Amino acid sequence: MPYRAEYLAARTDFTGRVESYMLHGVPLHGAWVTAIATAETMKRTRALILTLCLAAASWLSGVTLVAAAERWFTPHRGLYRMSLATAESSSGIIGASGEMYFEWVDACDGWNVNQHTNLTLATSQDTNNLLGLTFSGWESKDGMKLRFQSSQFANGGVIESIEGEASLSTGGGSGSVVYSKPNSAVATLPRGTLFPSEYSRRMMTRMRAGESGYSALLFDGSTSDGAYEVSTVFATPRRHAPPGAAARDGAADEQVWPVRMAYFPLQGGDVEPDFEVGVLINALGVAHHYDIDYGNFAVRAVLERYEEIAAPDC
């Protein structure tokens, strides 16, 4: 399996600043804004969904390995407010606004993830691109099975709908995906592919141990592109106000890690990733914010409302 050491070497100066999430992409301007921004936004929004799955639904795989008193993930739902973080004049993007609802639920036999995103991009051509995405997923607690459903929208029309099931033969072995949408098809997952739970458990273990990064093959069902190699790097942890601290007087700052995840296609051997997502996450798997880069502009999603979800009576 390719490790993409080039990525980790090139990002050794990662500090967690939003500027360090920016990629060197093709400028968006003029007549290209609508078409390219729509396509690229949907691609990055799928990446955001994957990162949300990693940052929430996935942490619970660690619960199966430790006593209840040692649980370090909190099932929760949250509302993220989206806005423009940075933009170069060549991007043609002058504003961004939207919201993203995320929910992780213990379903007794597995973990359910539900997410809805609506994002509006305002351009210098006096146009607005209205983008949306919904995702629902279920993963068995042993990390061997995955069911997924997602739909992507742009300016009122459906861009793509994906639905299917995936399974692994053994832990660390190969697997298969059976798609029912957009067309009936069967695809193979290479040996070593992980679903979000196991990837996240391993990634978080390394992050908390003070390592610099982690890389593995990952399939989550949010896209028909198949498995990606996902390389993650961690910056030095810092202190940050906890989620919802503005509504809780006297809340103490908590330790958080700036994390950046790069998604490399398995075909082509490209050194540069298809996309990157930056996350600021605490030790309980709750993301304070996300930065999604589009080459020459970036959108930030900040946790605005947060609510813990009680475990069910299984």
C-alpha atoms as a PDB file:
ATOM      1  CA  MET A   1       0.000   0.000   0.000  1.00  0.00           C
ATOM      2  CA  PRO A   2       1.415   3.403  -0.906  1.00  0.00           C
ATOM      3  CA  TYR A   3       2.059   5.500   2.166  1.00  0.00           C
ATOM      4  CA  ARG A   4       2.412   8.914   0.502  1.00  0.00           C
ATOM      5  CA  ALA A   5       5.377   9.856   2.640  1.00  0.00           C
ATOM      6  CA  GLU A   6       5.623  12.880   0.385  1.00  0.00           C
ATOM      7  CA  TYR A   7       2.527  14.284   2.044  1.00  0.00           C
ATOM      8  CA  LEU A   8       3.837  13.995   5.587  1.00  0.00           C
ATOM      9  CA  ALA A   9       7.231  15.353   4.575  1.00  0.00           C
ATOM     10  CA  ALA A  10       5.735  18.311   2.717  1.00  0.00           C
ATOM     11  CA  ARG A  11       3.434  19.193   5.614  1.00  0.00           C
ATOM     12  CA  THR A  12       5.985  19.089   8.427  1.00  0.00           C
ATOM     13  CA  ASP A  13       5.375  22.800   9.025  1.00  0.00           C
ATOM     14  CA  PHE A  14       1.693  22.196   9.768  1.00  0.00           C
ATOM     15  CA  THR A  15       0.714  24.495  12.637  1.00  0.00           C
ATOM     16  CA  GLY A  16      -3.067  24.276  12.612  1.00  0.00           C
ATOM     17  CA  ARG A  17      -3.612  27.778  11.195  1.00  0.00           C
ATOM     18  CA  VAL A  18      -6.353  28.041   8.598  1.00  0.00           C
ATOM     19  CA  GLU A  19      -3.791  29.294   6.066  1.00  0.00           C
ATOM     20  CA  SER A  20      -1.916  26.005   6.316  1.00  0.00           C
ATOM     21  CA  TYR A  21      -4.986  24.156   5.034  1.00  0.00           C
ATOM     22  CA  MET A  22      -4.869  25.946   1.688  1.00  0.00           C
ATOM     23  CA  LEU A  23      -3.979  24.024  -1.458  1.00  0.00           C
ATOM     24  CA  HIS A  24      -2.471  25.335  -4.670  1.00  0.00           C
ATOM     25  CA  GLY A  25      -5.403  24.781  -6.996  1.00  0.00           C
ATOM     26  CA  VAL A  26      -6.695  26.170 -10.279  1.00  0.00           C
ATOM     27  CA  PRO A  27      -8.083  29.699  -9.750  1.00  0.00           C
ATOM     28  CA  LEU A  28     -11.859  30.000 -10.006  1.00  0.00           C
ATOM     29  CA  HIS A  29     -12.897  33.021 -12.005  1.00  0.00           C
ATOM     30  CA  GLY A  30     -15.178  34.299 -14.738  1.00  0.00           C
ATOM     31  CA  ALA A  31     -17.412  31.778 -16.512  1.00  0.00           C
ATOM     32  CA  TRP A  32     -15.746  28.870 -14.736  1.00  0.00           C
ATOM     33  CA  VAL A  33     -17.012  29.835 -11.294  1.00  0.00           C
ATOM     34  CA  THR A  34     -20.414  28.161 -11.403  1.00  0.00           C
ATOM     35  CA  ALA A  35     -19.366  24.883 -13.012  1.00  0.00           C
ATOM     36  CA  ILE A  36     -16.079  24.361 -11.202  1.00  0.00           C
ATOM     37  CA  ALA A  37     -17.197  25.701  -7.837  1.00  0.00           C
ATOM     38  CA  THR A  38     -20.242  23.444  -7.883  1.00  0.00           C
ATOM     39  CA  ALA A  39     -18.262  20.320  -8.744  1.00  0.00           C
ATOM     40  CA  GLU A  40     -15.410  21.068  -6.377  1.00  0.00           C
ATOM     41  CA  THR A  41     -17.736  22.087  -3.568  1.00  0.00           C
ATOM     42  CA  MET A  42     -19.626  18.797  -3.764  1.00  0.00           C
ATOM     43  CA  LYS A  43     -16.326  16.917  -3.721  1.00  0.00           C
ATOM     44  CA  ARG A  44     -15.067  18.786  -0.665  1.00  0.00           C
ATOM     45  CA  THR A  45     -18.454  18.547   1.042  1.00  0.00           C
ATOM     46  CA  ARG A  46     -18.291  14.755   0.663  1.00  0.00           C
ATOM     47  CA  ALA A  47     -14.865  14.967   2.276  1.00  0.00           C
ATOM     48  CA  LEU A  48     -16.370  16.966   5.115  1.00  0.00           C
ATOM     49  CA  ILE A  49     -18.977  14.273   5.686  1.00  0.00           C
ATOM     50  CA  LEU A  50     -16.262  11.657   5.811  1.00  0.00           C
ATOM     51  CA  THR A  51     -14.358  13.738   8.331  1.00  0.00           C
ATOM     52  CA  LEU A  52     -17.488  14.130  10.448  1.00  0.00           C
ATOM     53  CA  CYS A  53     -17.925  10.359  10.401  1.00  0.00           C
ATOM     54  CA  LEU A  54     -14.316  10.016  11.498  1.00  0.00           C
ATOM     55  CA  ALA A  55     -14.691  12.618  14.201  1.00  0.00           C
ATOM     56  CA  ALA A  56     -17.857  11.227  15.695  1.00  0.00           C
ATOM     57  CA  ALA A  57     -19.462   7.983  14.587  1.00  0.00           C
ATOM     58  CA  SER A  58     -16.124   6.326  14.398  1.00  0.00           C
ATOM     59  CA  TRP A  59     -14.734   7.017  17.828  1.00  0.00           C
ATOM     60  CA  LEU A  60     -17.172   4.532  19.366  1.00  0.00           C
ATOM     61  CA  SER A  61     -15.179   1.600  18.054  1.00  0.00           C
ATOM     62  CA  GLY A  62     -12.853   2.435  20.922  1.00  0.00           C
ATOM     63  CA  VAL A  63     -15.698   1.933  23.389  1.00  0.00           C
ATOM     64  CA  THR A  64     -15.896  -1.749  22.486  1.00  0.00           C
ATOM     65  CA  LEU A  65     -12.294  -2.114  23.569  1.00  0.00           C
ATOM     66  CA  VAL A  66     -12.416  -0.431  26.976  1.00  0.00           C
ATOM     67  CA  ALA A  67     -14.522  -0.478  30.113  1.00  0.00           C
ATOM     68  CA  ALA A  68     -17.502   1.841  30.272  1.00  0.00           C
ATOM     69  CA  ALA A  69     -15.760   4.035  32.828  1.00  0.00           C
ATOM     70  CA  GLU A  70     -12.940   4.612  30.350  1.00  0.00           C
ATOM     71  CA  ARG A  71     -15.095   5.775  27.453  1.00  0.00           C
ATOM     72  CA  TRP A  72     -13.569   8.805  25.830  1.00  0.00           C
ATOM     73  CA  PHE A  73     -16.116   9.488  23.095  1.00  0.00           C
ATOM     74  CA  THR A  74     -19.459  11.221  23.565  1.00  0.00           C
ATOM     75  CA  PRO A  75     -22.377  10.436  21.198  1.00  0.00           C
ATOM     76  CA  HIS A  76     -23.822  13.790  20.265  1.00  0.00           C
ATOM     77  CA  ARG A  77     -25.622  15.993  17.805  1.00  0.00           C
ATOM     78  CA  GLY A  78     -24.388  19.387  16.706  1.00  0.00           C
ATOM     79  CA  LEU A  79     -25.166  22.317  14.458  1.00  0.00           C
ATOM     80  CA  TYR A  80     -22.249  23.893  12.599  1.00  0.00           C
ATOM     81  CA  ARG A  81     -22.417  27.385  11.108  1.00  0.00           C
ATOM     82  CA  MET A  82     -20.517  27.761   7.818  1.00  0.00           C
ATOM     83  CA  SER A  83     -18.838  30.923   6.547  1.00  0.00           C
ATOM     84  CA  LEU A  84     -16.032  32.091   4.285  1.00  0.00           C
ATOM     85  CA  ALA A  85     -12.662  31.700   6.045  1.00  0.00           C
ATOM     86  CA  THR A  86     -10.217  32.992   3.424  1.00  0.00           C
ATOM     87  CA  ALA A  87     -10.368  33.870  -0.265  1.00  0.00           C
ATOM     88  CA  GLU A  88      -7.957  35.089  -2.912  1.00  0.00           C
ATOM     89  CA  SER A  89      -9.246  37.652  -5.395  1.00  0.00           C
ATOM     90  CA  SER A  90      -8.690  35.178  -8.231  1.00  0.00           C
ATOM     91  CA  SER A  91     -11.204  32.747  -6.702  1.00  0.00           C
ATOM     92  CA  GLY A  92     -14.249  34.759  -7.732  1.00  0.00           C
ATOM     93  CA  ILE A  93     -15.824  33.826  -4.386  1.00  0.00           C
ATOM     94  CA  ILE A  94     -16.873  36.760  -2.221  1.00  0.00           C
ATOM     95  CA  GLY A  95     -19.006  35.033   0.390  1.00  0.00           C
ATOM     96  CA  ALA A  96     -20.157  31.725   1.840  1.00  0.00           C
ATOM     97  CA  SER A  97     -22.910  30.886   4.300  1.00  0.00           C
ATOM     98  CA  GLY A  98     -24.758  27.821   5.432  1.00  0.00           C
ATOM     99  CA  GLU A  99     -25.237  25.265   8.145  1.00  0.00           C
ATOM    100  CA  MET A 100     -24.467  21.650   8.766  1.00  0.00           C
ATOM    101  CA  TYR A 101     -26.391  19.378  11.122  1.00  0.00           C
ATOM    102  CA  PHE A 102     -24.631  16.266  12.395  1.00  0.00           C
ATOM    103  CA  GLU A 103     -25.870  13.437  14.596  1.00  0.00           C
ATOM    104  CA  TRP A 104     -24.232  10.306  15.919  1.00  0.00           C
ATOM    105  CA  VAL A 105     -26.490   7.698  17.576  1.00  0.00           C
ATOM    106  CA  ASP A 106     -25.842   4.350  19.268  1.00  0.00           C
ATOM    107  CA  ALA A 107     -28.195   1.890  17.518  1.00  0.00           C
ATOM    108  CA  CYS A 108     -27.246  -1.034  19.779  1.00  0.00           C
ATOM    109  CA  ASP A 109     -26.148  -3.263  16.878  1.00  0.00           C
ATOM    110  CA  GLY A 110     -24.121  -0.492  15.299  1.00  0.00           C
ATOM    111  CA  TRP A 111     -23.579   3.253  14.993  1.00  0.00           C
ATOM    112  CA  ASN A 112     -25.853   5.562  13.001  1.00  0.00           C
ATOM    113  CA  VAL A 113     -24.594   8.793  11.418  1.00  0.00           C
ATOM    114  CA  ASN A 114     -26.917  11.409   9.945  1.00  0.00           C
ATOM    115  CA  GLN A 115     -25.771  14.643   8.396  1.00  0.00           C
ATOM    116  CA  HIS A 116     -27.358  17.450   6.382  1.00  0.00           C
ATOM    117  CA  THR A 117     -25.424  20.320   4.795  1.00  0.00           C
ATOM    118  CA  ASN A 118     -26.656  23.439   3.004  1.00  0.00           C
ATOM    119  CA  LEU A 119     -24.083  25.879   1.640  1.00  0.00           C
ATOM    120  CA  THR A 120     -24.440  29.030  -0.475  1.00  0.00           C
ATOM    121  CA  LEU A 121     -21.433  30.383  -2.374  1.00  0.00           C
ATOM    122  CA  ALA A 122     -21.665  34.002  -3.540  1.00  0.00           C
ATOM    123  CA  THR A 123     -19.527  34.935  -6.543  1.00  0.00           C
ATOM    124  CA  SER A 124     -18.153  38.165  -7.949  1.00  0.00           C
ATOM    125  CA  GLN A 125     -20.435  37.599 -10.953  1.00  0.00           C
ATOM    126  CA  ASP A 126     -23.473  38.369  -8.756  1.00  0.00           C
ATOM    127  CA  THR A 127     -24.583  34.743  -8.691  1.00  0.00           C
ATOM    128  CA  ASN A 128     -25.241  32.326  -5.847  1.00  0.00           C
ATOM    129  CA  ASN A 129     -24.572  28.598  -5.976  1.00  0.00           C
ATOM    130  CA  LEU A 130     -26.889  26.702  -3.634  1.00  0.00           C
ATOM    131  CA  LEU A 131     -25.378  23.372  -2.629  1.00  0.00           C
ATOM    132  CA  GLY A 132     -26.690  20.610  -0.420  1.00  0.00           C
ATOM    133  CA  LEU A 133     -25.791  17.165   0.757  1.00  0.00           C
ATOM    134  CA  THR A 134     -27.431  14.531   2.949  1.00  0.00           C
ATOM    135  CA  PHE A 135     -25.721  11.434   4.305  1.00  0.00           C
ATOM    136  CA  SER A 136     -26.902   8.502   6.422  1.00  0.00           C
ATOM    137  CA  GLY A 137     -24.728   5.608   7.430  1.00  0.00           C
ATOM    138  CA  TRP A 138     -24.758   2.561   9.704  1.00  0.00           C
ATOM    139  CA  GLU A 139     -21.652   0.628  10.723  1.00  0.00           C
ATOM    140  CA  SER A 140     -21.591  -2.601  12.693  1.00  0.00           C
ATOM    141  CA  LYS A 141     -19.772  -2.409  15.988  1.00  0.00           C
ATOM    142  CA  ASP A 142     -17.136  -4.901  14.851  1.00  0.00           C
ATOM    143  CA  GLY A 143     -16.297  -2.622  11.903  1.00  0.00           C
ATOM    144  CA  MET A 144     -16.983  -5.347   9.317  1.00  0.00           C
ATOM    145  CA  LYS A 145     -20.171  -4.030   7.682  1.00  0.00           C
ATOM    146  CA  LEU A 146     -21.291  -0.643   6.411  1.00  0.00           C
ATOM    147  CA  ARG A 147     -24.569   0.619   4.945  1.00  0.00           C
ATOM    148  CA  PHE A 148     -24.658   4.068   3.363  1.00  0.00           C
ATOM    149  CA  GLN A 149     -26.914   6.492   1.527  1.00  0.00           C
ATOM    150  CA  SER A 150     -26.071   9.993   0.277  1.00  0.00           C
ATOM    151  CA  SER A 151     -27.548  12.591  -2.057  1.00  0.00           C
ATOM    152  CA  GLN A 152     -25.903  15.720  -3.444  1.00  0.00           C
ATOM    153  CA  PHE A 153     -27.776  18.751  -4.731  1.00  0.00           C
ATOM    154  CA  ALA A 154     -26.862  21.906  -6.655  1.00  0.00           C
ATOM    155  CA  ASN A 155     -29.188  24.817  -7.381  1.00  0.00           C
ATOM    156  CA  GLY A 156     -32.292  22.708  -6.791  1.00  0.00           C
ATOM    157  CA  GLY A 157     -31.232  19.699  -8.851  1.00  0.00           C
ATOM    158  CA  VAL A 158     -29.946  16.294  -7.770  1.00  0.00           C
ATOM    159  CA  ILE A 159     -26.318  15.836  -8.803  1.00  0.00           C
ATOM    160  CA  GLU A 160     -25.831  12.303  -7.529  1.00  0.00           C
ATOM    161  CA  SER A 161     -27.468   9.749  -5.245  1.00  0.00           C
ATOM    162  CA  ILE A 162     -25.458   6.859  -3.845  1.00  0.00           C
ATOM    163  CA  GLU A 163     -26.698   3.872  -1.863  1.00  0.00           C
ATOM    164  CA  GLY A 164     -25.208   0.513  -1.012  1.00  0.00           C
ATOM    165  CA  GLU A 165     -23.610  -1.893   1.428  1.00  0.00           C
ATOM    166  CA  ALA A 166     -19.980  -2.816   2.018  1.00  0.00           C
ATOM    167  CA  SER A 167     -18.372  -5.657   3.934  1.00  0.00           C
ATOM    168  CA  LEU A 168     -14.894  -6.903   4.796  1.00  0.00           C
ATOM    169  CA  SER A 169     -13.892 -10.571   4.674  1.00  0.00           C
ATOM    170  CA  THR A 170     -11.701 -10.304   7.763  1.00  0.00           C
ATOM    171  CA  GLY A 171     -10.160  -7.533   9.820  1.00  0.00           C
ATOM    172  CA  GLY A 172      -7.405  -6.088   7.629  1.00  0.00           C
ATOM    173  CA  GLY A 173      -8.551  -8.195   4.682  1.00  0.00           C
ATOM    174  CA  SER A 174     -10.140  -7.304   1.375  1.00  0.00           C
ATOM    175  CA  GLY A 175     -13.823  -6.563   0.919  1.00  0.00           C
ATOM    176  CA  SER A 176     -16.585  -5.703  -1.496  1.00  0.00           C
ATOM    177  CA  VAL A 177     -19.183  -2.980  -2.109  1.00  0.00           C
ATOM    178  CA  VAL A 178     -22.633  -3.648  -3.544  1.00  0.00           C
ATOM    179  CA  TYR A 179     -24.164  -0.443  -4.957  1.00  0.00           C
ATOM    180  CA  SER A 180     -27.902  -0.135  -5.540  1.00  0.00           C
ATOM    181  CA  LYS A 181     -27.672   3.528  -6.633  1.00  0.00           C
ATOM    182  CA  PRO A 182     -26.958   5.260  -8.957  1.00  0.00           C
ATOM    183  CA  ASN A 183     -26.644   1.897 -10.728  1.00  0.00           C
ATOM    184  CA  SER A 184     -26.457  -1.706  -9.578  1.00  0.00           C
ATOM    185  CA  ALA A 185     -22.773  -2.573  -9.389  1.00  0.00           C
ATOM    186  CA  VAL A 186     -20.233  -4.522  -7.373  1.00  0.00           C
ATOM    187  CA  ALA A 187     -16.754  -3.195  -6.558  1.00  0.00           C
ATOM    188  CA  THR A 188     -13.776  -4.673  -4.744  1.00  0.00           C
ATOM    189  CA  LEU A 189     -12.111  -3.101  -1.730  1.00  0.00           C
ATOM    190  CA  PRO A 190      -8.341  -3.722  -1.546  1.00  0.00           C
ATOM    191  CA  ARG A 191      -6.725  -5.593   1.295  1.00  0.00           C
ATOM    192  CA  GLY A 192      -6.179  -3.389   4.330  1.00  0.00           C
ATOM    193  CA  THR A 193      -9.240  -1.196   3.726  1.00  0.00           C
ATOM    194  CA  LEU A 194     -10.836   0.167   6.886  1.00  0.00           C
ATOM    195  CA  PHE A 195     -14.274   1.559   7.555  1.00  0.00           C
ATOM    196  CA  PRO A 196     -14.479   4.873   9.458  1.00  0.00           C
ATOM    197  CA  SER A 197     -14.663   3.333  12.941  1.00  0.00           C
ATOM    198  CA  GLU A 198     -11.431   1.396  12.838  1.00  0.00           C
ATOM    199  CA  TYR A 199      -9.559   4.104  10.966  1.00  0.00           C
ATOM    200  CA  SER A 200     -10.603   6.653  13.560  1.00  0.00           C
ATOM    201  CA  ARG A 201      -9.786   4.444  16.524  1.00  0.00           C
ATOM    202  CA  ARG A 202      -6.260   3.891  15.226  1.00  0.00           C
ATOM    203  CA  MET A 203      -5.840   7.525  14.268  1.00  0.00           C
ATOM    204  CA  MET A 204      -7.014   8.816  17.654  1.00  0.00           C
ATOM    205  CA  THR A 205      -4.784   6.330  19.488  1.00  0.00           C
ATOM    206  CA  ARG A 206      -1.752   7.712  17.671  1.00  0.00           C
ATOM    207  CA  MET A 207      -2.831  11.320  18.141  1.00  0.00           C
ATOM    208  CA  ARG A 208      -3.254  10.914  21.888  1.00  0.00           C
ATOM    209  CA  ALA A 209       0.090   9.096  22.093  1.00  0.00           C
ATOM    210  CA  GLY A 210       1.890  12.123  20.652  1.00  0.00           C
ATOM    211  CA  GLU A 211       2.727  10.642  17.250  1.00  0.00           C
ATOM    212  CA  SER A 212       2.957  12.879  14.188  1.00  0.00           C
ATOM    213  CA  GLY A 213       0.439  11.188  11.902  1.00  0.00           C
ATOM    214  CA  TYR A 214      -1.296   8.106  10.538  1.00  0.00           C
ATOM    215  CA  SER A 215      -2.126   6.716   7.084  1.00  0.00           C
ATOM    216  CA  ALA A 216      -4.374   3.877   5.874  1.00  0.00           C
ATOM    217  CA  LEU A 217      -6.900   2.921   3.194  1.00  0.00           C
ATOM    218  CA  LEU A 218     -10.425   4.083   3.987  1.00  0.00           C
ATOM    219  CA  PHE A 219     -13.910   3.541   2.531  1.00  0.00           C
ATOM    220  CA  ASP A 220     -16.961   5.310   3.972  1.00  0.00           C
ATOM    221  CA  GLY A 221     -19.635   5.205   1.260  1.00  0.00           C
ATOM    222  CA  SER A 222     -20.026   8.969   0.826  1.00  0.00           C
ATOM    223  CA  THR A 223     -18.719   8.793  -2.747  1.00  0.00           C
ATOM    224  CA  SER A 224     -18.651   6.307  -5.626  1.00  0.00           C
ATOM    225  CA  ASP A 225     -14.902   6.836  -6.004  1.00  0.00           C
ATOM    226  CA  GLY A 226     -14.156   3.810  -3.818  1.00  0.00           C
ATOM    227  CA  ALA A 227     -11.438   3.670  -1.184  1.00  0.00           C
ATOM    228  CA  TYR A 228      -8.994   6.494  -0.583  1.00  0.00           C
ATOM    229  CA  GLU A 229      -5.648   6.524   1.107  1.00  0.00           C
ATOM    230  CA  VAL A 230      -6.159   8.977   3.957  1.00  0.00           C
ATOM    231  CA  SER A 231      -3.050  10.502   5.500  1.00  0.00           C
ATOM    232  CA  THR A 232      -3.507  12.459   8.702  1.00  0.00           C
ATOM    233  CA  VAL A 233      -1.059  14.767  10.452  1.00  0.00           C
ATOM    234  CA  PHE A 234      -1.380  16.192  13.966  1.00  0.00           C
ATOM    235  CA  ALA A 235      -0.187  19.561  15.218  1.00  0.00           C
ATOM    236  CA  THR A 236       0.821  20.221  18.817  1.00  0.00           C
ATOM    237  CA  PRO A 237      -2.248  20.198  21.121  1.00  0.00           C
ATOM    238  CA  ARG A 238      -3.440  23.502  22.528  1.00  0.00           C
ATOM    239  CA  ARG A 239      -6.113  24.899  24.849  1.00  0.00           C
ATOM    240  CA  HIS A 240      -9.471  26.003  23.480  1.00  0.00           C
ATOM    241  CA  ALA A 241     -12.877  26.911  24.889  1.00  0.00           C
ATOM    242  CA  PRO A 242     -15.120  23.809  24.950  1.00  0.00           C
ATOM    243  CA  PRO A 243     -18.187  23.487  22.684  1.00  0.00           C
ATOM    244  CA  GLY A 244     -21.007  25.704  23.864  1.00  0.00           C
ATOM    245  CA  ALA A 245     -18.734  27.518  26.324  1.00  0.00           C
ATOM    246  CA  ALA A 246     -20.376  30.857  25.490  1.00  0.00           C
ATOM    247  CA  ALA A 247     -23.546  29.577  27.163  1.00  0.00           C
ATOM    248  CA  ARG A 248     -21.730  28.223  30.208  1.00  0.00           C
ATOM    249  CA  ASP A 249     -20.110  30.874  32.379  1.00  0.00           C
ATOM    250  CA  GLY A 250     -16.764  29.892  33.794  1.00  0.00           C
ATOM    251  CA  ALA A 251     -16.208  26.888  31.504  1.00  0.00           C
ATOM    252  CA  ALA A 252     -12.528  25.951  31.501  1.00  0.00           C
ATOM    253  CA  ASP A 253     -10.556  25.612  28.307  1.00  0.00           C
ATOM    254  CA  GLU A 254      -9.926  22.056  27.137  1.00  0.00           C
ATOM    255  CA  GLN A 255      -7.128  20.355  25.219  1.00  0.00           C
ATOM    256  CA  VAL A 256      -7.655  20.130  21.462  1.00  0.00           C
ATOM    257  CA  TRP A 257      -5.605  18.902  18.506  1.00  0.00           C
ATOM    258  CA  PRO A 258      -5.390  20.608  15.114  1.00  0.00           C
ATOM    259  CA  VAL A 259      -5.643  17.759  12.609  1.00  0.00           C
ATOM    260  CA  ARG A 260      -5.319  17.791   8.826  1.00  0.00           C
ATOM    261  CA  MET A 261      -6.503  14.911   6.660  1.00  0.00           C
ATOM    262  CA  ALA A 262      -5.478  14.425   3.026  1.00  0.00           C
ATOM    263  CA  TYR A 263      -7.359  12.115   0.647  1.00  0.00           C
ATOM    264  CA  PHE A 264      -5.253  10.477  -2.056  1.00  0.00           C
ATOM    265  CA  PRO A 265      -6.810   8.495  -4.934  1.00  0.00           C
ATOM    266  CA  LEU A 266      -5.540   4.944  -5.254  1.00  0.00           C
ATOM    267  CA  GLN A 267      -5.107   5.316  -9.006  1.00  0.00           C
ATOM    268  CA  GLY A 268      -2.555   7.543 -10.688  1.00  0.00           C
ATOM    269  CA  GLY A 269       0.045   7.882  -7.952  1.00  0.00           C
ATOM    270  CA  ASP A 270      -0.490  11.643  -7.578  1.00  0.00           C
ATOM    271  CA  VAL A 271       1.699  13.296  -4.979  1.00  0.00           C
ATOM    272  CA  GLU A 272      -0.888  15.972  -4.219  1.00  0.00           C
ATOM    273  CA  PRO A 273      -4.130  14.813  -2.558  1.00  0.00           C
ATOM    274  CA  ASP A 274      -7.537  15.203  -4.178  1.00  0.00           C
ATOM    275  CA  PHE A 275      -8.618  17.307  -1.211  1.00  0.00           C
ATOM    276  CA  GLU A 276      -7.756  18.177   2.374  1.00  0.00           C
ATOM    277  CA  VAL A 277      -9.839  18.951   5.438  1.00  0.00           C
ATOM    278  CA  GLY A 278      -8.602  20.592   8.636  1.00  0.00           C
ATOM    279  CA  VAL A 279     -10.226  19.780  11.982  1.00  0.00           C
ATOM    280  CA  LEU A 280      -9.884  21.055  15.536  1.00  0.00           C
ATOM    281  CA  ILE A 281     -10.928  18.141  17.757  1.00  0.00           C
ATOM    282  CA  ASN A 282     -10.977  17.412  21.474  1.00  0.00           C
ATOM    283  CA  ALA A 283     -10.136  14.191  23.305  1.00  0.00           C
ATOM    284  CA  LEU A 284     -13.805  13.103  23.275  1.00  0.00           C
ATOM    285  CA  GLY A 285     -14.079  13.137  19.507  1.00  0.00           C
ATOM    286  CA  VAL A 286     -16.052  16.394  19.293  1.00  0.00           C
ATOM    287  CA  ALA A 287     -14.927  18.695  16.486  1.00  0.00           C
ATOM    288  CA  HIS A 288     -14.864  22.403  17.384  1.00  0.00           C
ATOM    289  CA  HIS A 289     -14.553  23.424  13.755  1.00  0.00           C
ATOM    290  CA  TYR A 290     -13.639  22.260  10.255  1.00  0.00           C
ATOM    291  CA  ASP A 291     -11.832  24.047   7.428  1.00  0.00           C
ATOM    292  CA  ILE A 292     -12.598  22.815   3.914  1.00  0.00           C
ATOM    293  CA  ASP A 293     -10.250  24.201   1.259  1.00  0.00           C
ATOM    294  CA  TYR A 294     -11.081  24.781  -2.388  1.00  0.00           C
ATOM    295  CA  GLY A 295      -7.631  25.691  -3.668  1.00  0.00           C
ATOM    296  CA  ASN A 296      -7.785  29.464  -3.418  1.00  0.00           C
ATOM    297  CA  PHE A 297     -10.566  29.923  -0.890  1.00  0.00           C
ATOM    298  CA  ALA A 298     -11.640  28.078   2.254  1.00  0.00           C
ATOM    299  CA  VAL A 299     -14.911  27.601   4.113  1.00  0.00           C
ATOM    300  CA  ARG A 300     -15.031  27.148   7.880  1.00  0.00           C
ATOM    301  CA  ALA A 301     -17.731  25.234   9.794  1.00  0.00           C
ATOM    302  CA  VAL A 302     -17.895  26.202  13.483  1.00  0.00           C
ATOM    303  CA  LEU A 303     -19.811  24.253  16.125  1.00  0.00           C
ATOM    304  CA  GLU A 304     -22.640  26.534  17.236  1.00  0.00           C
ATOM    305  CA  ARG A 305     -24.915  24.185  19.185  1.00  0.00           C
ATOM    306  CA  TYR A 306     -24.021  20.940  20.895  1.00  0.00           C
ATOM    307  CA  GLU A 307     -26.041  18.281  22.729  1.00  0.00           C
ATOM    308  CA  GLU A 308     -24.942  14.973  24.171  1.00  0.00           C
ATOM    309  CA  ILE A 309     -27.043  11.887  23.372  1.00  0.00           C
ATOM    310  CA  ALA A 310     -27.742   9.319  26.072  1.00  0.00           C
ATOM    311  CA  ALA A 311     -26.947   5.673  25.350  1.00  0.00           C
ATOM    312  CA  PRO A 312     -29.998   3.507  24.584  1.00  0.00           C
ATOM    313  CA  ASP A 313     -31.242   0.646  26.752  1.00  0.00           C
ATOM    314  CA  CYS A 314     -30.030  -2.272  24.651  1.00  0.00           C
END
